[in-house]
């Protein structure tokens, strides 16, 4: 294996992720969204989550950063909180009409960015890349889970 740490998959994936984040941020900012909000926006739009706890789990972040993000999104008029009829201590979170109206343009911008960055890739290569990245993420999740269980008392 190549001994150049700058040519390792971890480093190259990190560079690609930062590049995607910069591109996505520049395209989402004019619509009032941030790239870090993307998992929350998608989860709310698709009905995959509606509480802070569920959103934190879906986005794979801890509760305190999720609470901060939701507070900013509420301040910016992207989400609304309503009391949860089943649990008085909890709130249901929904996208505002403004956020719902902007989502199609935001999603389109993100898909265009992905298409542009995959210029020169065949459809089969793009599918293979996605499949490999999903497997890589699964491996990382398993490693993190195993290491977490070892460090728990």
C-alpha atoms as a PDB file:
ATOM      1  CA  UNK A   1       0.000   0.000   0.000  1.00  0.00           C
ATOM      2  CA  UNK A   2       1.142   3.529  -0.734  1.00  0.00           C
ATOM      3  CA  UNK A   3       2.866   5.110   2.272  1.00  0.00           C
ATOM      4  CA  UNK A   4       1.678   8.622   1.340  1.00  0.00           C
ATOM      5  CA  UNK A   5      -0.864   9.589   4.013  1.00  0.00           C
ATOM      6  CA  UNK A   6      -2.281  12.243   1.667  1.00  0.00           C
ATOM      7  CA  UNK A   7      -3.261   9.496  -0.789  1.00  0.00           C
ATOM      8  CA  UNK A   8      -5.178   7.371   1.726  1.00  0.00           C
ATOM      9  CA  UNK A   9      -8.921   6.858   1.307  1.00  0.00           C
ATOM     10  CA  UNK A  10      -9.619   8.631   4.607  1.00  0.00           C
ATOM     11  CA  UNK A  11      -7.786  11.791   3.566  1.00  0.00           C
ATOM     12  CA  UNK A  12      -9.199  11.820   0.028  1.00  0.00           C
ATOM     13  CA  UNK A  13     -12.754  11.263   1.280  1.00  0.00           C
ATOM     14  CA  UNK A  14     -12.261  14.083   3.766  1.00  0.00           C
ATOM     15  CA  UNK A  15     -11.145  16.416   0.967  1.00  0.00           C
ATOM     16  CA  UNK A  16     -14.099  15.378  -1.183  1.00  0.00           C
ATOM     17  CA  UNK A  17     -16.525  15.878   1.732  1.00  0.00           C
ATOM     18  CA  UNK A  18     -15.200  19.383   2.404  1.00  0.00           C
ATOM     19  CA  UNK A  19     -15.458  20.204  -1.298  1.00  0.00           C
ATOM     20  CA  UNK A  20     -19.048  18.958  -1.457  1.00  0.00           C
ATOM     21  CA  UNK A  21     -19.878  20.918   1.703  1.00  0.00           C
ATOM     22  CA  UNK A  22     -18.468  24.156   0.242  1.00  0.00           C
ATOM     23  CA  UNK A  23     -20.327  23.657  -3.039  1.00  0.00           C
ATOM     24  CA  UNK A  24     -23.583  22.755  -1.318  1.00  0.00           C
ATOM     25  CA  UNK A  25     -23.312  25.624   1.158  1.00  0.00           C
ATOM     26  CA  UNK A  26     -22.815  28.149  -1.637  1.00  0.00           C
ATOM     27  CA  UNK A  27     -25.920  26.865  -3.411  1.00  0.00           C
ATOM     28  CA  UNK A  28     -28.126  26.483  -0.325  1.00  0.00           C
ATOM     29  CA  UNK A  29     -27.255  29.779   1.375  1.00  0.00           C
ATOM     30  CA  UNK A  30     -29.230  31.971  -1.061  1.00  0.00           C
ATOM     31  CA  UNK A  31     -32.289  29.800  -0.273  1.00  0.00           C
ATOM     32  CA  UNK A  32     -31.873  30.344   3.469  1.00  0.00           C
ATOM     33  CA  UNK A  33     -30.590  26.837   4.207  1.00  0.00           C
ATOM     34  CA  UNK A  34     -27.290  25.537   5.531  1.00  0.00           C
ATOM     35  CA  UNK A  35     -25.670  22.280   4.509  1.00  0.00           C
ATOM     36  CA  UNK A  36     -25.687  21.069   8.118  1.00  0.00           C
ATOM     37  CA  UNK A  37     -29.472  21.435   8.161  1.00  0.00           C
ATOM     38  CA  UNK A  38     -29.921  19.078   5.223  1.00  0.00           C
ATOM     39  CA  UNK A  39     -30.584  15.870   7.203  1.00  0.00           C
ATOM     40  CA  UNK A  40     -33.160  17.694   9.354  1.00  0.00           C
ATOM     41  CA  UNK A  41     -34.892  19.239   6.349  1.00  0.00           C
ATOM     42  CA  UNK A  42     -35.068  15.925   4.504  1.00  0.00           C
ATOM     43  CA  UNK A  43     -36.236  13.985   7.578  1.00  0.00           C
ATOM     44  CA  UNK A  44     -39.004  16.498   8.237  1.00  0.00           C
ATOM     45  CA  UNK A  45     -40.031  16.678   4.583  1.00  0.00           C
ATOM     46  CA  UNK A  46     -40.190  12.882   4.246  1.00  0.00           C
ATOM     47  CA  UNK A  47     -41.871  12.297   7.602  1.00  0.00           C
ATOM     48  CA  UNK A  48     -38.935  10.217   8.881  1.00  0.00           C
ATOM     49  CA  UNK A  49     -38.731  12.186  12.137  1.00  0.00           C
ATOM     50  CA  UNK A  50     -40.697  14.842  13.972  1.00  0.00           C
ATOM     51  CA  UNK A  51     -39.099  15.167  17.414  1.00  0.00           C
ATOM     52  CA  UNK A  52     -35.725  16.539  18.434  1.00  0.00           C
ATOM     53  CA  UNK A  53     -34.639  13.112  19.673  1.00  0.00           C
ATOM     54  CA  UNK A  54     -35.633  11.422  16.403  1.00  0.00           C
ATOM     55  CA  UNK A  55     -33.951  14.144  14.339  1.00  0.00           C
ATOM     56  CA  UNK A  56     -30.720  13.830  16.344  1.00  0.00           C
ATOM     57  CA  UNK A  57     -30.736  10.074  15.787  1.00  0.00           C
ATOM     58  CA  UNK A  58     -31.524  10.448  12.071  1.00  0.00           C
ATOM     59  CA  UNK A  59     -28.807  13.088  11.553  1.00  0.00           C
ATOM     60  CA  UNK A  60     -26.324  11.180  13.735  1.00  0.00           C
ATOM     61  CA  UNK A  61     -25.611  14.102  16.050  1.00  0.00           C
ATOM     62  CA  UNK A  62     -25.858  14.544  19.796  1.00  0.00           C
ATOM     63  CA  UNK A  63     -28.866  16.235  21.403  1.00  0.00           C
ATOM     64  CA  UNK A  64     -27.188  19.577  22.388  1.00  0.00           C
ATOM     65  CA  UNK A  65     -25.994  20.457  18.859  1.00  0.00           C
ATOM     66  CA  UNK A  66     -29.384  19.379  17.468  1.00  0.00           C
ATOM     67  CA  UNK A  67     -31.148  21.652  19.966  1.00  0.00           C
ATOM     68  CA  UNK A  68     -28.952  24.572  18.868  1.00  0.00           C
ATOM     69  CA  UNK A  69     -29.577  23.879  15.183  1.00  0.00           C
ATOM     70  CA  UNK A  70     -33.335  23.644  15.707  1.00  0.00           C
ATOM     71  CA  UNK A  71     -33.334  26.909  17.659  1.00  0.00           C
ATOM     72  CA  UNK A  72     -31.569  28.645  14.736  1.00  0.00           C
ATOM     73  CA  UNK A  73     -33.914  27.049  12.214  1.00  0.00           C
ATOM     74  CA  UNK A  74     -36.925  28.189  14.239  1.00  0.00           C
ATOM     75  CA  UNK A  75     -35.467  31.710  14.504  1.00  0.00           C
ATOM     76  CA  UNK A  76     -34.938  31.728  10.718  1.00  0.00           C
ATOM     77  CA  UNK A  77     -38.531  30.656  10.055  1.00  0.00           C
ATOM     78  CA  UNK A  78     -37.692  27.197   8.685  1.00  0.00           C
ATOM     79  CA  UNK A  79     -39.416  25.074  11.339  1.00  0.00           C
ATOM     80  CA  UNK A  80     -42.283  25.307  13.795  1.00  0.00           C
ATOM     81  CA  UNK A  81     -42.705  23.452  17.063  1.00  0.00           C
ATOM     82  CA  UNK A  82     -46.072  22.334  18.363  1.00  0.00           C
ATOM     83  CA  UNK A  83     -46.861  20.456  21.582  1.00  0.00           C
ATOM     84  CA  UNK A  84     -46.863  16.692  21.184  1.00  0.00           C
ATOM     85  CA  UNK A  85     -50.360  15.498  22.095  1.00  0.00           C
ATOM     86  CA  UNK A  86     -48.955  12.120  23.196  1.00  0.00           C
ATOM     87  CA  UNK A  87     -46.172  13.559  25.401  1.00  0.00           C
ATOM     88  CA  UNK A  88     -46.536  16.954  27.068  1.00  0.00           C
ATOM     89  CA  UNK A  89     -42.773  17.197  27.621  1.00  0.00           C
ATOM     90  CA  UNK A  90     -42.035  16.907  23.914  1.00  0.00           C
ATOM     91  CA  UNK A  91     -42.716  18.934  20.776  1.00  0.00           C
ATOM     92  CA  UNK A  92     -43.475  17.967  17.224  1.00  0.00           C
ATOM     93  CA  UNK A  93     -41.388  19.762  14.637  1.00  0.00           C
ATOM     94  CA  UNK A  94     -42.592  20.581  11.125  1.00  0.00           C
ATOM     95  CA  UNK A  95     -41.261  22.566   8.203  1.00  0.00           C
ATOM     96  CA  UNK A  96     -42.789  25.983   7.726  1.00  0.00           C
ATOM     97  CA  UNK A  97     -44.554  26.825   4.494  1.00  0.00           C
ATOM     98  CA  UNK A  98     -41.533  28.931   3.492  1.00  0.00           C
ATOM     99  CA  UNK A  99     -39.143  26.001   3.961  1.00  0.00           C
ATOM    100  CA  UNK A 100     -41.479  23.636   2.108  1.00  0.00           C
ATOM    101  CA  UNK A 101     -41.652  26.032  -0.838  1.00  0.00           C
ATOM    102  CA  UNK A 102     -37.837  26.349  -1.013  1.00  0.00           C
ATOM    103  CA  UNK A 103     -37.069  22.638  -0.678  1.00  0.00           C
ATOM    104  CA  UNK A 104     -37.582  21.633  -4.332  1.00  0.00           C
ATOM    105  CA  UNK A 105     -35.117  24.299  -5.507  1.00  0.00           C
ATOM    106  CA  UNK A 106     -32.614  23.300  -2.812  1.00  0.00           C
ATOM    107  CA  UNK A 107     -32.849  19.617  -3.686  1.00  0.00           C
ATOM    108  CA  UNK A 108     -32.481  20.443  -7.371  1.00  0.00           C
ATOM    109  CA  UNK A 109     -29.365  22.498  -6.644  1.00  0.00           C
ATOM    110  CA  UNK A 110     -27.848  19.635  -4.679  1.00  0.00           C
ATOM    111  CA  UNK A 111     -28.595  17.092  -7.408  1.00  0.00           C
ATOM    112  CA  UNK A 112     -27.063  19.405 -10.033  1.00  0.00           C
ATOM    113  CA  UNK A 113     -23.946  19.719  -7.879  1.00  0.00           C
ATOM    114  CA  UNK A 114     -23.663  15.953  -7.633  1.00  0.00           C
ATOM    115  CA  UNK A 115     -24.101  15.582 -11.393  1.00  0.00           C
ATOM    116  CA  UNK A 116     -21.427  18.208 -12.051  1.00  0.00           C
ATOM    117  CA  UNK A 117     -18.946  16.589  -9.685  1.00  0.00           C
ATOM    118  CA  UNK A 118     -19.462  13.215 -11.335  1.00  0.00           C
ATOM    119  CA  UNK A 119     -18.624  14.544 -14.793  1.00  0.00           C
ATOM    120  CA  UNK A 120     -16.602  11.881 -16.594  1.00  0.00           C
ATOM    121  CA  UNK A 121     -18.046   9.035 -14.508  1.00  0.00           C
ATOM    122  CA  UNK A 122     -20.246   6.452 -16.180  1.00  0.00           C
ATOM    123  CA  UNK A 123     -23.601   5.678 -14.543  1.00  0.00           C
ATOM    124  CA  UNK A 124     -22.157   2.338 -13.436  1.00  0.00           C
ATOM    125  CA  UNK A 125     -19.119   4.037 -11.863  1.00  0.00           C
ATOM    126  CA  UNK A 126     -21.342   6.532 -10.038  1.00  0.00           C
ATOM    127  CA  UNK A 127     -23.500   3.691  -8.687  1.00  0.00           C
ATOM    128  CA  UNK A 128     -20.424   1.752  -7.667  1.00  0.00           C
ATOM    129  CA  UNK A 129     -19.028   4.804  -5.850  1.00  0.00           C
ATOM    130  CA  UNK A 130     -22.287   5.257  -3.936  1.00  0.00           C
ATOM    131  CA  UNK A 131     -22.400   1.562  -3.024  1.00  0.00           C
ATOM    132  CA  UNK A 132     -18.785   1.630  -1.843  1.00  0.00           C
ATOM    133  CA  UNK A 133     -19.332   4.759   0.232  1.00  0.00           C
ATOM    134  CA  UNK A 134     -22.398   3.195   1.891  1.00  0.00           C
ATOM    135  CA  UNK A 135     -20.330   0.126   2.785  1.00  0.00           C
ATOM    136  CA  UNK A 136     -17.551   2.343   4.103  1.00  0.00           C
ATOM    137  CA  UNK A 137     -20.016   4.241   6.298  1.00  0.00           C
ATOM    138  CA  UNK A 138     -21.442   0.953   7.611  1.00  0.00           C
ATOM    139  CA  UNK A 139     -17.909  -0.174   8.512  1.00  0.00           C
ATOM    140  CA  UNK A 140     -17.211   3.130  10.263  1.00  0.00           C
ATOM    141  CA  UNK A 141     -20.484   2.869  12.211  1.00  0.00           C
ATOM    142  CA  UNK A 142     -19.637  -0.692  13.294  1.00  0.00           C
ATOM    143  CA  UNK A 143     -16.151   0.335  14.416  1.00  0.00           C
ATOM    144  CA  UNK A 144     -17.503   3.333  16.325  1.00  0.00           C
ATOM    145  CA  UNK A 145     -20.180   1.188  17.951  1.00  0.00           C
ATOM    146  CA  UNK A 146     -17.668  -1.477  18.987  1.00  0.00           C
ATOM    147  CA  UNK A 147     -15.232   1.098  20.373  1.00  0.00           C
ATOM    148  CA  UNK A 148     -18.059   2.878  22.183  1.00  0.00           C
ATOM    149  CA  UNK A 149     -19.162  -0.344  23.857  1.00  0.00           C
ATOM    150  CA  UNK A 150     -15.579  -1.054  24.958  1.00  0.00           C
ATOM    151  CA  UNK A 151     -15.249   2.369  26.603  1.00  0.00           C
ATOM    152  CA  UNK A 152     -18.638   2.226  28.366  1.00  0.00           C
ATOM    153  CA  UNK A 153     -18.282   1.110  32.001  1.00  0.00           C
END
